[in-house]
Amino acid sequence: MQEQSESHPSAQLDKMRRLEETIRELEQRQEFARAVLDSMAAHVAVIDASGQIIAVNEAWRRFARSNHAGQSDRVDPGANYLEICRIAMAAGSEEARTAFSGIENVLAHRIHEFTCEYPCQAPGRESWYLMRVFPLARESGGAVISHIDITTRKQAEREREKLHAQLQDANRLLETVLDSIPDIIGVQGPGHQIIRYNAAGYSFLKMAPESVRDKRCFELIGRDRRCAECATSIACQTKSPARVERYFAETGTWLDVRAYPILDESGAIVQIVEHLRDITREKQYEADMRSRIDFESLVTGISTRFINLRVEQLDAGINEALGAIGRFAAADRSYVFRFRDGKRRMDNTHEWCAPGIESHLQRLQDLAVADFPSVSGPILSGQVRHIPDLAMLPPSARAEKEEFALCGLVLMEVYLLLRNPMLVARPLDAATAAGRIANLRDNPCWALLDYPGG
């Protein structure tokens, strides 16, 4: 009964309709799957367990036509992808060797997925692709291979690497330039915390970079508060470059400090660049020049007064000159000694003492010149003897150390002074100067030894 019903024409028609519906459904699914594959931008190929290509999408076919003109069948369905890799490996391609190994491992289920990036020489340009291989989900095995064009990303990476290399070169150049500058260059945050210095800065501080970073500038010289006059503080307040010259007692240094604020787009200060130049020598030179000018003015004034003095005014003039010289030199005493008895003996004829300083005039009489060789020797030979510190005298000068507690010793040779254009506005010629000196020579309190023209 069952056999008759199945063989009935209507039953056969139903069976055929169901079969046709199944076929149409399969075709629709296959068409959908094909549409999905062909819609993908990646180049996709499906291989079986042996490596044979069983399906490709439109992007794969389009790439094959563009890059394998006349030989597209080499990568069409039916070709063996593993064999294609072997051919490339024989030609020396390391990328093909890597791809072959990865595909084999996926087909053998040793790994779940394989990826690699490789270059591809396309017509007119070099392209880069990302290859991905993952297992085909069917019992007989196989794999899905996709190639994604990553040329734009690679170009961006190369450009980024190029810019990074250029930035490193620029940083190295900047480091070299900064470290070649003998002045101190520093970068600070708005709160005075140090970011970095150049080599001159670390050398000045005698500190390593890691010992300096994040400390505040005033802490580096042993202070617990900001300097009263600070270029960085001024620059932060005004948002403009600032300059300060100041002396740092901690280092014994004069510095010309210049601060330059760096502002962001909103006008807020993000960093301060400091330029510190050691001007100690310049300040010392300025002080020396001022001192020299003051001294030359002093000597010029003394010489002018001496020229106009009468003989009976000479002692008072000498005492006045000694006072002016002593005060200028901030000395305790200044003296004039007269040599006699063939320059073997000497007497203190004139003396000036600062307030509160005891006079030695009476006990500095009838001294043996030979007892004071360090002082008298140079003077008798026409030289100026400067002893800034008695400790500098040699052991043989014991008598001089014990007898004299002086800050300086001045010998004035009036003849040379009158002729020196650096000291007098109208220097005299030799004959006139000698005539002026002759007027002083007769005074027993004033002895000029071996002066020219005498």
Protein backbone atom coordinates (compact mmCIF):
# COMPACT_ATOMS: atom_id res chain seq x y z
CA MET A 1 0.00 0.00 0.00
CA GLN A 2 2.88 2.29 0.87
CA GLU A 3 4.69 1.49 -2.38
CA GLN A 4 1.60 2.32 -4.39
CA SER A 5 1.13 5.66 -2.65
CA GLU A 6 4.75 6.70 -3.25
CA SER A 7 4.53 5.74 -6.88
CA HIS A 8 1.38 7.69 -7.35
CA PRO A 9 1.90 10.58 -9.77
CA SER A 10 0.90 13.23 -7.23
CA ALA A 11 3.40 11.92 -4.70
CA GLN A 12 6.13 12.03 -7.28
CA LEU A 13 5.25 15.61 -8.10
CA ASP A 14 5.42 16.61 -4.43
CA LYS A 15 8.80 14.97 -4.07
CA MET A 16 10.15 16.77 -7.13
CA ARG A 17 8.80 20.11 -5.90
CA ARG A 18 10.51 19.64 -2.52
CA LEU A 19 13.74 18.72 -4.28
CA GLU A 20 13.54 21.75 -6.51
CA GLU A 21 12.86 23.97 -3.51
CA THR A 22 15.87 22.49 -1.76
CA ILE A 23 18.03 23.07 -4.84
CA ARG A 24 16.75 26.66 -5.15
CA GLU A 25 17.44 27.24 -1.46
CA LEU A 26 20.95 25.85 -1.86
CA GLU A 27 21.48 28.00 -4.94
CA GLN A 28 20.23 31.05 -3.06
CA ARG A 29 22.55 30.30 -0.17
CA GLN A 30 25.41 29.76 -2.58
CA GLU A 31 24.52 32.98 -4.39
CA PHE A 32 24.35 34.80 -1.05
CA ALA A 33 27.69 33.39 -0.01
CA ARG A 34 29.13 34.37 -3.39
CA ALA A 35 27.69 37.88 -3.03
CA VAL A 36 29.20 38.18 0.42
CA LEU A 37 32.62 37.03 -0.83
CA ASP A 38 32.48 39.30 -3.88
CA SER A 39 31.50 42.27 -1.69
CA MET A 40 34.66 41.92 0.37
CA ALA A 41 37.54 44.28 -0.44
CA ALA A 42 40.03 41.65 0.66
CA HIS A 43 41.28 39.14 -1.92
CA VAL A 44 39.85 35.82 -0.69
CA ALA A 45 40.61 32.27 -1.81
CA VAL A 46 39.38 28.97 -0.36
CA ILE A 47 41.67 25.94 -0.53
CA ASP A 48 41.09 22.32 0.32
CA ALA A 49 43.24 20.19 2.58
CA SER A 50 45.78 19.62 -0.22
CA GLY A 51 46.17 23.31 -0.96
CA GLN A 52 44.11 23.33 -4.16
CA ILE A 53 42.10 26.52 -4.76
CA ILE A 54 38.39 25.67 -4.80
CA ALA A 55 36.89 29.18 -4.75
CA VAL A 56 37.92 32.82 -5.08
CA ASN A 57 36.06 36.12 -4.83
CA GLU A 58 35.82 38.94 -7.35
CA ALA A 59 38.59 41.00 -5.71
CA TRP A 60 40.94 37.99 -6.09
CA ARG A 61 40.03 37.60 -9.75
CA ARG A 62 40.40 41.34 -10.40
CA PHE A 63 43.85 41.38 -8.79
CA ALA A 64 44.86 38.28 -10.79
CA ARG A 65 43.83 39.94 -14.05
CA SER A 66 45.74 43.14 -13.18
CA ASN A 67 48.93 41.53 -11.93
CA HIS A 68 49.11 38.22 -13.80
CA ALA A 69 48.02 39.24 -17.29
CA GLY A 70 47.77 36.12 -19.47
CA GLN A 71 48.62 33.88 -16.49
CA SER A 72 45.64 34.42 -14.21
CA ASP A 73 44.91 30.68 -14.39
CA ARG A 74 47.93 30.20 -12.09
CA VAL A 75 45.84 31.51 -9.19
CA ASP A 76 42.34 30.52 -10.40
CA PRO A 77 40.30 27.66 -8.90
CA GLY A 78 42.03 24.38 -9.68
CA ALA A 79 45.54 25.74 -9.10
CA ASN A 80 47.43 24.64 -6.01
CA TYR A 81 48.31 27.49 -3.69
CA LEU A 82 51.01 25.53 -1.89
CA GLU A 83 52.66 24.76 -5.24
CA ILE A 84 52.60 28.48 -6.07
CA CYS A 85 54.44 29.09 -2.79
CA ARG A 86 56.98 26.37 -3.59
CA ILE A 87 57.79 28.00 -6.95
CA ALA A 88 58.33 31.38 -5.24
CA MET A 89 60.46 29.71 -2.56
CA ALA A 90 62.68 28.18 -5.23
CA ALA A 91 63.19 31.70 -6.60
CA GLY A 92 64.47 32.80 -3.17
CA SER A 93 61.37 34.46 -1.70
CA GLU A 94 61.47 34.45 2.10
CA GLU A 95 57.92 35.78 2.23
CA ALA A 96 56.73 32.70 0.28
CA ARG A 97 58.58 30.41 2.68
CA THR A 98 56.88 32.09 5.65
CA ALA A 99 53.43 31.86 3.98
CA PHE A 100 53.94 28.18 3.02
CA SER A 101 54.83 27.25 6.61
CA GLY A 102 51.88 29.19 8.03
CA ILE A 103 49.33 27.65 5.62
CA GLU A 104 50.60 24.13 6.32
CA ASN A 105 50.28 24.68 10.07
CA VAL A 106 46.68 25.89 9.70
CA LEU A 107 45.75 22.96 7.40
CA ALA A 108 47.26 20.55 9.94
CA HIS A 109 45.35 22.30 12.77
CA ARG A 110 48.63 23.07 14.57
CA ILE A 111 47.60 26.72 14.82
CA HIS A 112 44.18 28.35 14.70
CA GLU A 113 45.21 31.36 12.62
CA PHE A 114 48.24 32.62 10.73
CA THR A 115 49.02 36.23 9.73
CA CYS A 116 51.93 37.93 8.00
CA GLU A 117 52.66 41.15 6.16
CA TYR A 118 54.50 41.12 2.87
CA PRO A 119 55.36 43.47 -0.02
CA CYS A 120 54.03 42.92 -3.51
CA GLN A 121 55.47 44.61 -6.59
CA ALA A 122 52.35 45.78 -8.42
CA PRO A 123 52.52 47.59 -11.78
CA GLY A 124 53.73 51.13 -11.16
CA ARG A 125 54.01 50.87 -7.40
CA GLU A 126 54.96 48.73 -4.47
CA SER A 127 52.02 47.43 -2.48
CA TRP A 128 51.81 45.83 0.93
CA TYR A 129 49.35 43.14 2.01
CA LEU A 130 48.27 41.48 5.21
CA MET A 131 47.76 37.74 4.68
CA ARG A 132 45.40 35.92 7.02
CA VAL A 133 44.83 32.16 6.99
CA PHE A 134 42.24 30.38 9.16
CA PRO A 135 40.68 26.91 8.98
CA LEU A 136 37.70 26.15 6.75
CA ALA A 137 34.88 24.89 8.97
CA ARG A 138 34.11 21.60 7.25
CA GLU A 139 34.91 17.98 7.98
CA SER A 140 37.23 17.49 5.03
CA GLY A 141 39.34 20.44 6.12
CA GLY A 142 40.82 23.28 4.11
CA ALA A 143 41.53 26.91 4.77
CA VAL A 144 40.37 30.42 3.90
CA ILE A 145 43.13 32.77 2.72
CA SER A 146 42.61 36.53 2.58
CA HIS A 147 44.96 39.27 1.39
CA ILE A 148 44.13 42.78 2.65
CA ASP A 149 45.75 45.80 1.00
CA ILE A 150 47.62 47.68 3.77
CA THR A 151 49.69 49.90 1.44
CA THR A 152 48.21 53.13 2.84
CA ARG A 153 48.93 52.03 6.39
CA LYS A 154 52.49 51.00 5.48
CA GLN A 155 53.09 54.30 3.72
CA ALA A 156 51.83 56.13 6.80
CA GLU A 157 54.10 53.99 9.01
CA ARG A 158 57.08 54.70 6.77
CA GLU A 159 56.30 58.40 6.79
CA ARG A 160 55.96 58.28 10.56
CA GLU A 161 59.28 56.42 10.84
CA LYS A 162 60.87 58.95 8.51
CA LEU A 163 59.53 61.85 10.56
CA HIS A 164 60.63 60.11 13.74
CA ALA A 165 64.14 59.69 12.34
CA GLN A 166 64.17 63.33 11.26
CA LEU A 167 62.98 64.34 14.73
CA GLN A 168 65.73 62.26 16.33
CA ASP A 169 68.30 63.86 14.01
CA ALA A 170 66.94 67.30 14.89
CA ASN A 171 67.04 66.46 18.61
CA ARG A 172 70.62 65.21 18.31
CA LEU A 173 71.58 68.38 16.46
CA LEU A 174 69.82 70.51 19.08
CA GLU A 175 71.59 68.59 21.87
CA THR A 176 74.93 69.12 20.13
CA VAL A 177 74.25 72.83 19.64
CA LEU A 178 73.07 73.33 23.24
CA ASP A 179 76.01 71.41 24.68
CA SER A 180 78.40 73.45 22.51
CA ILE A 181 77.16 76.71 24.04
CA PRO A 182 79.43 77.77 26.91
CA ASP A 183 76.56 79.65 28.59
CA ILE A 184 74.01 77.85 30.77
CA ILE A 185 70.73 77.02 29.02
CA GLY A 186 67.93 75.65 31.18
CA VAL A 187 64.27 74.74 30.77
CA GLN A 188 61.89 75.15 33.71
CA GLY A 189 58.24 74.59 34.40
CA PRO A 190 56.06 77.50 35.57
CA GLY A 191 56.66 76.46 39.18
CA HIS A 192 60.44 76.83 38.81
CA GLN A 193 60.95 73.05 38.66
CA ILE A 194 63.89 72.13 36.44
CA ILE A 195 63.24 70.07 33.32
CA ARG A 196 66.78 70.06 31.96
CA TYR A 197 70.02 71.97 31.42
CA ASN A 198 72.67 71.83 28.76
CA ALA A 199 76.14 70.44 29.53
CA ALA A 200 77.35 73.83 30.77
CA GLY A 201 74.53 73.93 33.33
CA TYR A 202 75.29 70.50 34.78
CA SER A 203 79.00 71.36 34.83
CA PHE A 204 78.34 74.64 36.67
CA LEU A 205 76.18 72.89 39.27
CA LYS A 206 78.50 69.86 39.42
CA MET A 207 75.38 67.68 39.35
CA ALA A 208 74.05 64.89 37.13
CA PRO A 209 70.78 65.36 35.16
CA GLU A 210 68.87 62.91 37.36
CA SER A 211 69.91 64.88 40.46
CA VAL A 212 68.59 68.12 38.97
CA ARG A 213 65.32 67.18 37.32
CA ASP A 214 62.12 68.32 39.09
CA LYS A 215 64.05 70.30 41.70
CA ARG A 216 63.37 74.02 41.88
CA CYS A 217 66.16 76.24 40.64
CA PHE A 218 66.85 77.99 43.95
CA GLU A 219 67.12 74.64 45.73
CA LEU A 220 70.10 73.75 43.57
CA ILE A 221 72.18 76.48 45.24
CA GLY A 222 71.06 75.64 48.76
CA ARG A 223 68.22 78.14 49.19
CA ASP A 224 64.76 77.40 50.60
CA ARG A 225 62.92 80.22 48.84
CA ARG A 226 62.88 82.03 45.53
CA CYS A 227 65.39 84.78 44.91
CA ALA A 228 64.14 88.28 45.69
CA GLU A 229 64.97 89.39 42.14
CA CYS A 230 64.23 86.52 39.77
CA ALA A 231 64.07 86.75 35.98
CA THR A 232 61.88 83.63 35.76
CA SER A 233 59.33 85.07 38.23
CA ILE A 234 59.23 88.34 36.29
CA ALA A 235 58.75 86.46 33.00
CA CYS A 236 55.91 84.40 34.54
CA GLN A 237 54.19 87.55 35.79
CA THR A 238 54.57 89.58 32.61
CA LYS A 239 54.53 86.70 30.06
CA SER A 240 57.40 88.56 28.42
CA PRO A 241 61.18 88.07 28.32
CA ALA A 242 62.94 89.31 31.46
CA ARG A 243 66.57 90.03 32.35
CA VAL A 244 68.35 90.32 35.69
CA GLU A 245 72.02 90.72 36.62
CA ARG A 246 72.78 89.45 40.09
CA TYR A 247 75.53 88.10 42.31
CA PHE A 248 75.21 84.59 43.77
CA ALA A 249 77.22 84.40 46.95
CA GLU A 250 76.83 80.60 47.09
CA THR A 251 78.97 80.21 43.97
CA GLY A 252 80.85 83.52 44.07
CA THR A 253 79.50 84.26 40.60
CA TRP A 254 77.87 87.16 38.80
CA LEU A 255 75.26 85.93 36.30
CA ASP A 256 73.35 87.68 33.53
CA VAL A 257 70.02 85.80 33.74
CA ARG A 258 67.50 86.03 30.90
CA ALA A 259 64.15 84.23 30.99
CA TYR A 260 61.94 83.58 27.95
CA PRO A 261 58.35 82.31 28.54
CA ILE A 262 56.84 79.73 26.17
CA LEU A 263 53.07 80.09 25.85
CA ASP A 264 50.45 77.65 24.59
CA GLU A 265 47.60 78.59 22.26
CA SER A 266 45.51 79.87 25.16
CA GLY A 267 48.33 82.14 26.35
CA ALA A 268 49.20 80.05 29.41
CA ILE A 269 52.87 79.57 30.28
CA VAL A 270 53.99 75.98 29.74
CA GLN A 271 57.76 76.37 30.07
CA ILE A 272 60.46 78.96 30.76
CA VAL A 273 63.76 78.94 28.90
CA GLU A 274 66.58 80.45 30.94
CA HIS A 275 69.87 81.74 29.53
CA LEU A 276 72.51 82.32 32.19
CA ARG A 277 75.84 83.90 31.25
CA ASP A 278 78.76 84.13 33.67
CA ILE A 279 79.73 87.81 33.78
CA THR A 280 82.01 87.58 36.82
CA ARG A 281 85.07 88.59 34.81
CA GLU A 282 83.20 91.45 33.19
CA LYS A 283 82.04 92.70 36.58
CA GLN A 284 85.57 92.36 37.93
CA TYR A 285 86.90 94.21 34.89
CA GLU A 286 84.34 96.97 35.41
CA ALA A 287 85.31 97.20 39.09
CA ASP A 288 89.00 97.23 38.19
CA MET A 289 88.45 99.94 35.59
CA ARG A 290 86.46 102.05 38.05
CA SER A 291 89.19 101.53 40.63
CA ARG A 292 91.89 102.42 38.12
CA ILE A 293 90.06 105.53 37.00
CA ASP A 294 89.51 106.53 40.62
CA PHE A 295 93.20 105.85 41.38
CA GLU A 296 94.39 107.79 38.35
CA SER A 297 92.13 110.65 39.39
CA LEU A 298 93.58 110.43 42.91
CA VAL A 299 97.18 110.47 41.71
CA THR A 300 96.48 113.25 39.23
CA GLY A 301 94.99 115.34 42.03
CA ILE A 302 97.97 114.63 44.30
CA SER A 303 100.47 115.46 41.57
CA THR A 304 98.66 118.69 40.77
CA ARG A 305 98.76 119.73 44.41
CA PHE A 306 102.46 118.81 44.72
CA ILE A 307 103.39 120.87 41.69
CA ASN A 308 101.82 123.95 43.25
CA LEU A 309 103.24 123.42 46.75
CA ARG A 310 105.89 125.68 48.28
CA VAL A 311 108.79 124.00 50.05
CA GLU A 312 107.44 124.80 53.51
CA GLN A 313 104.12 123.16 52.53
CA LEU A 314 105.71 119.92 51.42
CA ASP A 315 105.38 117.99 54.72
CA ALA A 316 101.68 118.79 55.00
CA GLY A 317 101.22 117.89 51.34
CA ILE A 318 102.90 114.51 51.86
CA ASN A 319 100.71 113.77 54.90
CA GLU A 320 97.60 114.78 52.94
CA ALA A 321 98.66 112.53 50.03
CA LEU A 322 99.29 109.60 52.38
CA GLY A 323 95.82 110.06 53.87
CA ALA A 324 94.18 110.13 50.45
CA ILE A 325 96.11 107.02 49.36
CA GLY A 326 95.39 105.16 52.62
CA ARG A 327 91.68 105.88 52.47
CA PHE A 328 91.52 104.87 48.82
CA ALA A 329 93.27 101.56 49.54
CA ALA A 330 91.22 101.00 52.74
CA ALA A 331 94.57 100.58 54.52
CA ASP A 332 95.35 100.87 58.21
CA ARG A 333 98.50 102.92 57.57
CA SER A 334 100.51 104.48 54.78
CA TYR A 335 104.14 105.56 55.15
CA VAL A 336 107.00 107.41 53.51
CA PHE A 337 110.54 106.22 54.33
CA ARG A 338 113.73 108.20 53.61
CA PHE A 339 116.89 106.27 52.82
CA ARG A 340 120.25 107.60 54.09
CA ASP A 341 123.87 106.60 54.72
CA GLY A 342 124.28 105.26 51.22
CA LYS A 343 120.88 103.57 51.36
CA ARG A 344 121.94 101.41 54.30
CA ARG A 345 119.59 103.02 56.84
CA MET A 346 116.03 104.34 56.60
CA ASP A 347 113.65 106.46 58.69
CA ASN A 348 109.86 106.73 58.69
CA THR A 349 109.43 110.44 57.94
CA HIS A 350 105.68 110.62 57.30
CA GLU A 351 102.77 108.39 58.36
CA TRP A 352 98.99 108.36 58.04
CA CYS A 353 96.87 106.12 60.27
CA ALA A 354 93.20 105.23 59.93
CA PRO A 355 90.94 106.15 62.86
CA GLY A 356 91.63 103.90 65.84
CA ILE A 357 95.01 102.72 64.49
CA GLU A 358 98.11 103.30 66.67
CA SER A 359 100.99 105.27 65.15
CA HIS A 360 104.33 103.50 64.54
CA LEU A 361 106.17 106.59 63.37
CA GLN A 362 108.42 106.96 66.44
CA ARG A 363 109.63 103.37 66.56
CA LEU A 364 110.22 103.07 62.81
CA GLN A 365 113.41 105.14 62.93
CA ASP A 366 117.02 104.31 62.12
CA LEU A 367 116.15 100.94 60.60
CA ALA A 368 118.73 98.79 58.84
CA VAL A 369 117.71 98.42 55.21
CA ALA A 370 119.31 94.96 55.13
CA ASP A 371 116.73 93.76 57.68
CA PHE A 372 113.91 94.30 55.19
CA PRO A 373 115.13 92.79 51.89
CA SER A 374 111.70 91.75 50.58
CA VAL A 375 110.45 95.33 50.67
CA SER A 376 113.53 97.51 50.29
CA GLY A 377 115.21 95.44 47.59
CA PRO A 378 112.61 95.98 44.86
CA ILE A 379 112.10 99.63 45.89
CA LEU A 380 115.82 100.42 45.67
CA SER A 381 115.89 98.91 42.18
CA GLY A 382 113.06 101.22 41.06
CA GLN A 383 110.22 98.69 41.25
CA VAL A 384 106.80 98.85 42.89
CA ARG A 385 106.41 96.22 45.62
CA HIS A 386 102.87 94.98 46.24
CA ILE A 387 102.27 92.58 49.14
CA PRO A 388 98.52 91.80 49.39
CA ASP A 389 99.12 89.33 52.23
CA LEU A 390 102.07 89.21 54.64
CA ALA A 391 101.79 85.42 54.60
CA MET A 392 103.13 85.57 51.03
CA LEU A 393 106.51 86.81 52.26
CA PRO A 394 109.28 84.16 52.31
CA PRO A 395 110.71 82.76 55.59
CA SER A 396 113.73 85.06 55.23
CA ALA A 397 111.37 88.07 55.67
CA ARG A 398 110.66 87.32 59.34
CA ALA A 399 111.72 90.78 60.50
CA GLU A 400 109.45 92.41 57.97
CA LYS A 401 106.50 90.27 59.05
CA GLU A 402 107.03 91.16 62.68
CA GLU A 403 107.73 94.87 62.14
CA PHE A 404 105.11 95.77 59.55
CA ALA A 405 101.37 95.14 59.79
CA LEU A 406 100.39 96.93 56.61
CA CYS A 407 97.91 96.40 53.83
CA GLY A 408 99.98 98.01 51.13
CA LEU A 409 103.17 99.93 50.47
CA VAL A 410 103.19 102.77 47.89
CA LEU A 411 106.27 104.30 46.33
CA MET A 412 105.64 107.42 44.22
CA GLU A 413 108.20 108.46 41.70
CA VAL A 414 107.07 112.03 40.97
CA TYR A 415 109.30 112.39 37.97
CA LEU A 416 107.74 109.43 36.15
CA LEU A 417 104.28 110.49 37.25
CA LEU A 418 104.67 113.94 35.72
CA ARG A 419 105.67 112.42 32.41
CA ASN A 420 103.02 109.65 32.30
CA PRO A 421 100.23 110.53 29.81
CA MET A 422 98.01 107.87 31.39
CA LEU A 423 98.02 109.73 34.72
CA VAL A 424 98.22 113.45 33.95
CA ALA A 425 96.28 115.48 31.46
CA ARG A 426 99.36 117.45 30.35
CA PRO A 427 102.50 115.30 30.66
CA LEU A 428 105.77 117.25 30.88
CA ASP A 429 108.87 116.79 28.81
CA ALA A 430 112.04 115.43 30.48
CA ALA A 431 113.70 118.81 31.10
CA THR A 432 110.62 120.47 32.60
CA ALA A 433 109.84 117.45 34.80
CA ALA A 434 113.46 117.34 36.02
CA GLY A 435 113.22 121.04 36.90
CA ARG A 436 110.09 120.46 38.97
CA ILE A 437 111.75 117.56 40.78
CA ALA A 438 114.82 119.67 41.54
CA ASN A 439 112.64 122.00 43.59
CA LEU A 440 111.71 119.05 45.86
CA ARG A 441 115.16 117.51 46.08
CA ASP A 442 116.50 120.12 48.53
CA ASN A 443 113.92 119.14 51.15
CA PRO A 444 115.57 116.63 53.57
CA CYS A 445 112.23 114.91 54.20
CA TRP A 446 111.77 113.95 50.58
CA ALA A 447 114.40 111.75 48.95
CA LEU A 448 114.06 110.66 45.34
CA LEU A 449 116.68 108.13 44.48
CA ASP A 450 118.41 108.09 41.11
CA TYR A 451 115.62 109.83 39.24
CA PRO A 452 116.34 110.56 35.60
CA GLY A 453 117.66 114.06 34.99
CA GLY A 454 118.64 114.49 38.66
